[in-house]
Amino acid sequence: VSLIAAAATAMGAGTIDASSGVFDESIYLRL
């Protein structure tokens, strides 16, 4: 489970801040 979580975290480190917020995220942030 730790290996799987680490793989997910590593993928997230390279993708999460690579794009700007999408339309849905702007609505959800306001809500």
ModelCIF file with pLDDT and N, C-alpha, C, O atoms, coordinates in Angstrom:
data_MODEL
#
_entry.id   MODEL 
#
_entity.id                         1 
_entity.type                       polymer 
_entity.pdbx_number_of_molecules   1 
#
_entity_poly.entity_id                      1 
_entity_poly.type                           'polypeptide(L)' 
_entity_poly.nstd_linkage                   no 
_entity_poly.nstd_monomer                   no 
_entity_poly.pdbx_seq_one_letter_code       VSLIAAAATAMGAGTIDASSGVFDESIYLRL 
_entity_poly.pdbx_seq_one_letter_code_can   VSLIAAAATAMGAGTIDASSGVFDESIYLRL 
_entity_poly.pdbx_strand_id                 A 
#
loop_
_entity_poly_seq.entity_id 
_entity_poly_seq.num 
_entity_poly_seq.mon_id 
_entity_poly_seq.hetero 
1 1  VAL n 
1 2  SER n 
1 3  LEU n 
1 4  ILE n 
1 5  ALA n 
1 6  ALA n 
1 7  ALA n 
1 8  ALA n 
1 9  THR n 
1 10 ALA n 
1 11 MET n 
1 12 GLY n 
1 13 ALA n 
1 14 GLY n 
1 15 THR n 
1 16 ILE n 
1 17 ASP n 
1 18 ALA n 
1 19 SER n 
1 20 SER n 
1 21 GLY n 
1 22 VAL n 
1 23 PHE n 
1 24 ASP n 
1 25 GLU n 
1 26 SER n 
1 27 ILE n 
1 28 TYR n 
1 29 LEU n 
1 30 ARG n 
1 31 LEU n 
#
_struct_asym.id          A 
_struct_asym.entity_id   1 
#
loop_
_ma_qa_metric.id 
_ma_qa_metric.mode 
_ma_qa_metric.name 
_ma_qa_metric.software_group_id 
_ma_qa_metric.type 
1 global pLDDT . pLDDT 
2 local  pLDDT . pLDDT 
#
_ma_qa_metric_global.metric_id      1 
_ma_qa_metric_global.metric_value   80.81 
_ma_qa_metric_global.model_id       1 
_ma_qa_metric_global.ordinal_id     1 
#
loop_
_ma_qa_metric_local.label_asym_id 
_ma_qa_metric_local.label_comp_id 
_ma_qa_metric_local.label_seq_id 
_ma_qa_metric_local.metric_id 
_ma_qa_metric_local.metric_value 
_ma_qa_metric_local.model_id 
_ma_qa_metric_local.ordinal_id 
A VAL 1  2 75.00 1 1  
A SER 2  2 78.00 1 2  
A LEU 3  2 77.00 1 3  
A ILE 4  2 76.00 1 4  
A ALA 5  2 77.00 1 5  
A ALA 6  2 78.00 1 6  
A ALA 7  2 74.00 1 7  
A ALA 8  2 75.00 1 8  
A THR 9  2 76.00 1 9  
A ALA 10 2 74.00 1 10 
A MET 11 2 72.00 1 11 
A GLY 12 2 72.00 1 12 
A ALA 13 2 69.00 1 13 
A GLY 14 2 71.00 1 14 
A THR 15 2 77.00 1 15 
A ILE 16 2 80.00 1 16 
A ASP 17 2 76.00 1 17 
A ALA 18 2 72.00 1 18 
A SER 19 2 76.00 1 19 
A SER 20 2 80.00 1 20 
A GLY 21 2 81.00 1 21 
A VAL 22 2 87.00 1 22 
A PHE 23 2 89.00 1 23 
A ASP 24 2 91.00 1 24 
A GLU 25 2 93.00 1 25 
A SER 26 2 93.00 1 26 
A ILE 27 2 92.00 1 27 
A TYR 28 2 94.00 1 28 
A LEU 29 2 94.00 1 29 
A ARG 30 2 93.00 1 30 
A LEU 31 2 93.00 1 31 
#
loop_
_atom_site.group_PDB 
_atom_site.id 
_atom_site.type_symbol 
_atom_site.label_atom_id 
_atom_site.label_alt_id 
_atom_site.label_comp_id 
_atom_site.label_asym_id 
_atom_site.label_entity_id 
_atom_site.label_seq_id 
_atom_site.pdbx_PDB_ins_code 
_atom_site.Cartn_x 
_atom_site.Cartn_y 
_atom_site.Cartn_z 
_atom_site.occupancy 
_atom_site.B_iso_or_equiv 
_atom_site.pdbx_formal_charge 
_atom_site.auth_seq_id 
_atom_site.auth_comp_id 
_atom_site.auth_asym_id 
_atom_site.auth_atom_id 
_atom_site.pdbx_PDB_model_num 
ATOM 1   N N  . VAL A 1 1  ? 0.841   -1.207 0.000   1.00 75.00 ? 1  VAL A N  1 
ATOM 2   C CA . VAL A 1 1  ? 0.000   0.000  0.000   1.00 75.00 ? 1  VAL A CA 1 
ATOM 3   C C  . VAL A 1 1  ? 0.871   1.251  0.000   1.00 75.00 ? 1  VAL A C  1 
ATOM 4   O O  . VAL A 1 1  ? 0.554   2.224  -0.683  1.00 75.00 ? 1  VAL A O  1 
ATOM 5   N N  . SER A 1 2  ? 1.964   1.236  0.756   1.00 78.00 ? 2  SER A N  1 
ATOM 6   C CA . SER A 1 2  ? 2.884   2.378  0.784   1.00 78.00 ? 2  SER A CA 1 
ATOM 7   C C  . SER A 1 2  ? 3.510   2.615  -0.581  1.00 78.00 ? 2  SER A C  1 
ATOM 8   O O  . SER A 1 2  ? 3.675   3.761  -0.999  1.00 78.00 ? 2  SER A O  1 
ATOM 9   N N  . LEU A 1 3  ? 3.858   1.537  -1.278  1.00 77.00 ? 3  LEU A N  1 
ATOM 10  C CA . LEU A 1 3  ? 4.422   1.658  -2.617  1.00 77.00 ? 3  LEU A CA 1 
ATOM 11  C C  . LEU A 1 3  ? 3.413   2.269  -3.578  1.00 77.00 ? 3  LEU A C  1 
ATOM 12  O O  . LEU A 1 3  ? 3.763   3.120  -4.396  1.00 77.00 ? 3  LEU A O  1 
ATOM 13  N N  . ILE A 1 4  ? 2.168   1.837  -3.481  1.00 76.00 ? 4  ILE A N  1 
ATOM 14  C CA . ILE A 1 4  ? 1.106   2.368  -4.353  1.00 76.00 ? 4  ILE A CA 1 
ATOM 15  C C  . ILE A 1 4  ? 0.867   3.847  -4.059  1.00 76.00 ? 4  ILE A C  1 
ATOM 16  O O  . ILE A 1 4  ? 0.751   4.658  -4.977  1.00 76.00 ? 4  ILE A O  1 
ATOM 17  N N  . ALA A 1 5  ? 0.795   4.195  -2.766  1.00 77.00 ? 5  ALA A N  1 
ATOM 18  C CA . ALA A 1 5  ? 0.585   5.600  -2.397  1.00 77.00 ? 5  ALA A CA 1 
ATOM 19  C C  . ALA A 1 5  ? 1.751   6.463  -2.845  1.00 77.00 ? 5  ALA A C  1 
ATOM 20  O O  . ALA A 1 5  ? 1.549   7.597  -3.280  1.00 77.00 ? 5  ALA A O  1 
ATOM 21  N N  . ALA A 1 6  ? 2.981   5.937  -2.744  1.00 78.00 ? 6  ALA A N  1 
ATOM 22  C CA . ALA A 1 6  ? 4.161   6.681  -3.186  1.00 78.00 ? 6  ALA A CA 1 
ATOM 23  C C  . ALA A 1 6  ? 4.129   6.918  -4.688  1.00 78.00 ? 6  ALA A C  1 
ATOM 24  O O  . ALA A 1 6  ? 4.504   7.992  -5.158  1.00 78.00 ? 6  ALA A O  1 
ATOM 25  N N  . ALA A 1 7  ? 3.681   5.915  -5.445  1.00 74.00 ? 7  ALA A N  1 
ATOM 26  C CA . ALA A 1 7  ? 3.576   6.081  -6.894  1.00 74.00 ? 7  ALA A CA 1 
ATOM 27  C C  . ALA A 1 7  ? 2.560   7.159  -7.241  1.00 74.00 ? 7  ALA A C  1 
ATOM 28  O O  . ALA A 1 7  ? 2.794   7.975  -8.133  1.00 74.00 ? 7  ALA A O  1 
ATOM 29  N N  . ALA A 1 8  ? 1.437   7.162  -6.541  1.00 75.00 ? 8  ALA A N  1 
ATOM 30  C CA . ALA A 1 8  ? 0.418   8.176  -6.781  1.00 75.00 ? 8  ALA A CA 1 
ATOM 31  C C  . ALA A 1 8  ? 0.930   9.570  -6.425  1.00 75.00 ? 8  ALA A C  1 
ATOM 32  O O  . ALA A 1 8  ? 0.676   10.537 -7.142  1.00 75.00 ? 8  ALA A O  1 
ATOM 33  N N  . THR A 1 9  ? 1.653   9.660  -5.309  1.00 76.00 ? 9  THR A N  1 
ATOM 34  C CA . THR A 1 9  ? 2.202   10.957 -4.889  1.00 76.00 ? 9  THR A CA 1 
ATOM 35  C C  . THR A 1 9  ? 3.239   11.460 -5.886  1.00 76.00 ? 9  THR A C  1 
ATOM 36  O O  . THR A 1 9  ? 3.286   12.653 -6.186  1.00 76.00 ? 9  THR A O  1 
ATOM 37  N N  . ALA A 1 10 ? 4.068   10.556 -6.400  1.00 74.00 ? 10 ALA A N  1 
ATOM 38  C CA . ALA A 1 10 ? 5.085   10.936 -7.377  1.00 74.00 ? 10 ALA A CA 1 
ATOM 39  C C  . ALA A 1 10 ? 4.436   11.444 -8.666  1.00 74.00 ? 10 ALA A C  1 
ATOM 40  O O  . ALA A 1 10 ? 4.883   12.430 -9.252  1.00 74.00 ? 10 ALA A O  1 
ATOM 41  N N  . MET A 1 11 ? 3.380   10.760 -9.095  1.00 72.00 ? 11 MET A N  1 
ATOM 42  C CA . MET A 1 11 ? 2.652   11.220 -10.280 1.00 72.00 ? 11 MET A CA 1 
ATOM 43  C C  . MET A 1 11 ? 2.026   12.586 -10.022 1.00 72.00 ? 11 MET A C  1 
ATOM 44  O O  . MET A 1 11 ? 2.024   13.455 -10.893 1.00 72.00 ? 11 MET A O  1 
ATOM 45  N N  . GLY A 1 12 ? 1.493   12.764 -8.810  1.00 72.00 ? 12 GLY A N  1 
ATOM 46  C CA . GLY A 1 12 ? 0.867   14.036 -8.479  1.00 72.00 ? 12 GLY A CA 1 
ATOM 47  C C  . GLY A 1 12 ? 1.848   15.186 -8.465  1.00 72.00 ? 12 GLY A C  1 
ATOM 48  O O  . GLY A 1 12 ? 1.514   16.297 -8.878  1.00 72.00 ? 12 GLY A O  1 
ATOM 49  N N  . ALA A 1 13 ? 3.064   14.927 -7.991  1.00 69.00 ? 13 ALA A N  1 
ATOM 50  C CA . ALA A 1 13 ? 4.080   15.978 -7.929  1.00 69.00 ? 13 ALA A CA 1 
ATOM 51  C C  . ALA A 1 13 ? 4.405   16.530 -9.313  1.00 69.00 ? 13 ALA A C  1 
ATOM 52  O O  . ALA A 1 13 ? 4.796   17.690 -9.445  1.00 69.00 ? 13 ALA A O  1 
ATOM 53  N N  . GLY A 1 14 ? 4.246   15.711 -10.332 1.00 71.00 ? 14 GLY A N  1 
ATOM 54  C CA . GLY A 1 14 ? 4.578   16.170 -11.677 1.00 71.00 ? 14 GLY A CA 1 
ATOM 55  C C  . GLY A 1 14 ? 3.416   16.689 -12.474 1.00 71.00 ? 14 GLY A C  1 
ATOM 56  O O  . GLY A 1 14 ? 3.612   17.248 -13.553 1.00 71.00 ? 14 GLY A O  1 
ATOM 57  N N  . THR A 1 15 ? 2.183   16.519 -11.963 1.00 77.00 ? 15 THR A N  1 
ATOM 58  C CA . THR A 1 15 ? 1.020   16.900 -12.766 1.00 77.00 ? 15 THR A CA 1 
ATOM 59  C C  . THR A 1 15 ? 0.090   17.918 -12.110 1.00 77.00 ? 15 THR A C  1 
ATOM 60  O O  . THR A 1 15 ? -0.566  18.691 -12.808 1.00 77.00 ? 15 THR A O  1 
ATOM 61  N N  . ILE A 1 16 ? 0.025   17.930 -10.793 1.00 80.00 ? 16 ILE A N  1 
ATOM 62  C CA . ILE A 1 16 ? -0.986  18.739 -10.115 1.00 80.00 ? 16 ILE A CA 1 
ATOM 63  C C  . ILE A 1 16 ? -0.832  20.230 -10.393 1.00 80.00 ? 16 ILE A C  1 
ATOM 64  O O  . ILE A 1 16 ? -1.820  20.927 -10.623 1.00 80.00 ? 16 ILE A O  1 
ATOM 65  N N  . ASP A 1 17 ? 0.403   20.716 -10.371 1.00 76.00 ? 17 ASP A N  1 
ATOM 66  C CA . ASP A 1 17 ? 0.600   22.151 -10.593 1.00 76.00 ? 17 ASP A CA 1 
ATOM 67  C C  . ASP A 1 17 ? 1.006   22.468 -12.029 1.00 76.00 ? 17 ASP A C  1 
ATOM 68  O O  . ASP A 1 17 ? 1.485   23.563 -12.326 1.00 76.00 ? 17 ASP A O  1 
ATOM 69  N N  . ALA A 1 18 ? 0.807   21.490 -12.917 1.00 72.00 ? 18 ALA A N  1 
ATOM 70  C CA . ALA A 1 18 ? 1.231   21.693 -14.309 1.00 72.00 ? 18 ALA A CA 1 
ATOM 71  C C  . ALA A 1 18 ? 0.164   22.356 -15.162 1.00 72.00 ? 18 ALA A C  1 
ATOM 72  O O  . ALA A 1 18 ? 0.436   22.724 -16.305 1.00 72.00 ? 18 ALA A O  1 
ATOM 73  N N  . SER A 1 19 ? -1.042  22.516 -14.637 1.00 76.00 ? 19 SER A N  1 
ATOM 74  C CA . SER A 1 19 ? -2.110  23.148 -15.414 1.00 76.00 ? 19 SER A CA 1 
ATOM 75  C C  . SER A 1 19 ? -2.879  24.110 -14.532 1.00 76.00 ? 19 SER A C  1 
ATOM 76  O O  . SER A 1 19 ? -2.902  23.971 -13.310 1.00 76.00 ? 19 SER A O  1 
ATOM 77  N N  . SER A 1 20 ? -3.508  25.085 -15.166 1.00 80.00 ? 20 SER A N  1 
ATOM 78  C CA . SER A 1 20 ? -4.311  26.044 -14.419 1.00 80.00 ? 20 SER A CA 1 
ATOM 79  C C  . SER A 1 20 ? -5.650  25.418 -14.055 1.00 80.00 ? 20 SER A C  1 
ATOM 80  O O  . SER A 1 20 ? -5.991  24.340 -14.540 1.00 80.00 ? 20 SER A O  1 
ATOM 81  N N  . GLY A 1 21 ? -6.400  26.094 -13.207 1.00 81.00 ? 21 GLY A N  1 
ATOM 82  C CA . GLY A 1 21 ? -7.689  25.576 -12.767 1.00 81.00 ? 21 GLY A CA 1 
ATOM 83  C C  . GLY A 1 21 ? -8.681  25.457 -13.910 1.00 81.00 ? 21 GLY A C  1 
ATOM 84  O O  . GLY A 1 21 ? -8.747  26.323 -14.782 1.00 81.00 ? 21 GLY A O  1 
ATOM 85  N N  . VAL A 1 22 ? -9.448  24.382 -13.900 1.00 87.00 ? 22 VAL A N  1 
ATOM 86  C CA . VAL A 1 22 ? -10.472 24.185 -14.918 1.00 87.00 ? 22 VAL A CA 1 
ATOM 87  C C  . VAL A 1 22 ? -11.759 24.859 -14.458 1.00 87.00 ? 22 VAL A C  1 
ATOM 88  O O  . VAL A 1 22 ? -11.863 25.318 -13.320 1.00 87.00 ? 22 VAL A O  1 
ATOM 89  N N  . PHE A 1 23 ? -12.728 24.913 -15.350 1.00 89.00 ? 23 PHE A N  1 
ATOM 90  C CA . PHE A 1 23 ? -13.977 25.628 -15.068 1.00 89.00 ? 23 PHE A CA 1 
ATOM 91  C C  . PHE A 1 23 ? -14.662 25.095 -13.806 1.00 89.00 ? 23 PHE A C  1 
ATOM 92  O O  . PHE A 1 23 ? -15.094 25.871 -12.953 1.00 89.00 ? 23 PHE A O  1 
ATOM 93  N N  . ASP A 1 24 ? -14.757 23.766 -13.693 1.00 91.00 ? 24 ASP A N  1 
ATOM 94  C CA . ASP A 1 24 ? -15.432 23.170 -12.533 1.00 91.00 ? 24 ASP A CA 1 
ATOM 95  C C  . ASP A 1 24 ? -14.734 23.546 -11.231 1.00 91.00 ? 24 ASP A C  1 
ATOM 96  O O  . ASP A 1 24 ? -15.391 23.821 -10.228 1.00 91.00 ? 24 ASP A O  1 
ATOM 97  N N  . GLU A 1 25 ? -13.409 23.557 -11.248 1.00 93.00 ? 25 GLU A N  1 
ATOM 98  C CA . GLU A 1 25 ? -12.667 23.865 -10.027 1.00 93.00 ? 25 GLU A CA 1 
ATOM 99  C C  . GLU A 1 25 ? -12.931 25.297 -9.559  1.00 93.00 ? 25 GLU A C  1 
ATOM 100 O O  . GLU A 1 25 ? -12.968 25.564 -8.358  1.00 93.00 ? 25 GLU A O  1 
ATOM 101 N N  . SER A 1 26 ? -13.113 26.209 -10.502 1.00 93.00 ? 26 SER A N  1 
ATOM 102 C CA . SER A 1 26 ? -13.419 27.598 -10.120 1.00 93.00 ? 26 SER A CA 1 
ATOM 103 C C  . SER A 1 26 ? -14.759 27.672 -9.392  1.00 93.00 ? 26 SER A C  1 
ATOM 104 O O  . SER A 1 26 ? -14.904 28.395 -8.407  1.00 93.00 ? 26 SER A O  1 
ATOM 105 N N  . ILE A 1 27 ? -15.737 26.913 -9.891  1.00 92.00 ? 27 ILE A N  1 
ATOM 106 C CA . ILE A 1 27 ? -17.051 26.882 -9.239  1.00 92.00 ? 27 ILE A CA 1 
ATOM 107 C C  . ILE A 1 27 ? -16.944 26.234 -7.863  1.00 92.00 ? 27 ILE A C  1 
ATOM 108 O O  . ILE A 1 27 ? -17.509 26.733 -6.889  1.00 92.00 ? 27 ILE A O  1 
ATOM 109 N N  . TYR A 1 28 ? -16.222 25.127 -7.786  1.00 94.00 ? 28 TYR A N  1 
ATOM 110 C CA . TYR A 1 28 ? -16.106 24.415 -6.511  1.00 94.00 ? 28 TYR A CA 1 
ATOM 111 C C  . TYR A 1 28 ? -15.378 25.248 -5.469  1.00 94.00 ? 28 TYR A C  1 
ATOM 112 O O  . TYR A 1 28 ? -15.726 25.209 -4.289  1.00 94.00 ? 28 TYR A O  1 
ATOM 113 N N  . LEU A 1 29 ? -14.370 26.004 -5.895  1.00 94.00 ? 29 LEU A N  1 
ATOM 114 C CA . LEU A 1 29 ? -13.649 26.865 -4.960  1.00 94.00 ? 29 LEU A CA 1 
ATOM 115 C C  . LEU A 1 29 ? -14.583 27.925 -4.390  1.00 94.00 ? 29 LEU A C  1 
ATOM 116 O O  . LEU A 1 29 ? -14.559 28.203 -3.191  1.00 94.00 ? 29 LEU A O  1 
ATOM 117 N N  . ARG A 1 30 ? -15.398 28.509 -5.244  1.00 93.00 ? 30 ARG A N  1 
ATOM 118 C CA . ARG A 1 30 ? -16.367 29.515 -4.779  1.00 93.00 ? 30 ARG A CA 1 
ATOM 119 C C  . ARG A 1 30 ? -17.368 28.901 -3.815  1.00 93.00 ? 30 ARG A C  1 
ATOM 120 O O  . ARG A 1 30 ? -17.689 29.495 -2.785  1.00 93.00 ? 30 ARG A O  1 
ATOM 121 N N  . LEU A 1 31 ? -17.866 27.705 -4.147  1.00 93.00 ? 31 LEU A N  1 
ATOM 122 C CA . LEU A 1 31 ? -18.825 27.036 -3.271  1.00 93.00 ? 31 LEU A CA 1 
ATOM 123 C C  . LEU A 1 31 ? -18.175 26.650 -1.933  1.00 93.00 ? 31 LEU A C  1 
ATOM 124 O O  . LEU A 1 31 ? -18.836 26.076 -1.068  1.00 93.00 ? 31 LEU A O  1 
#
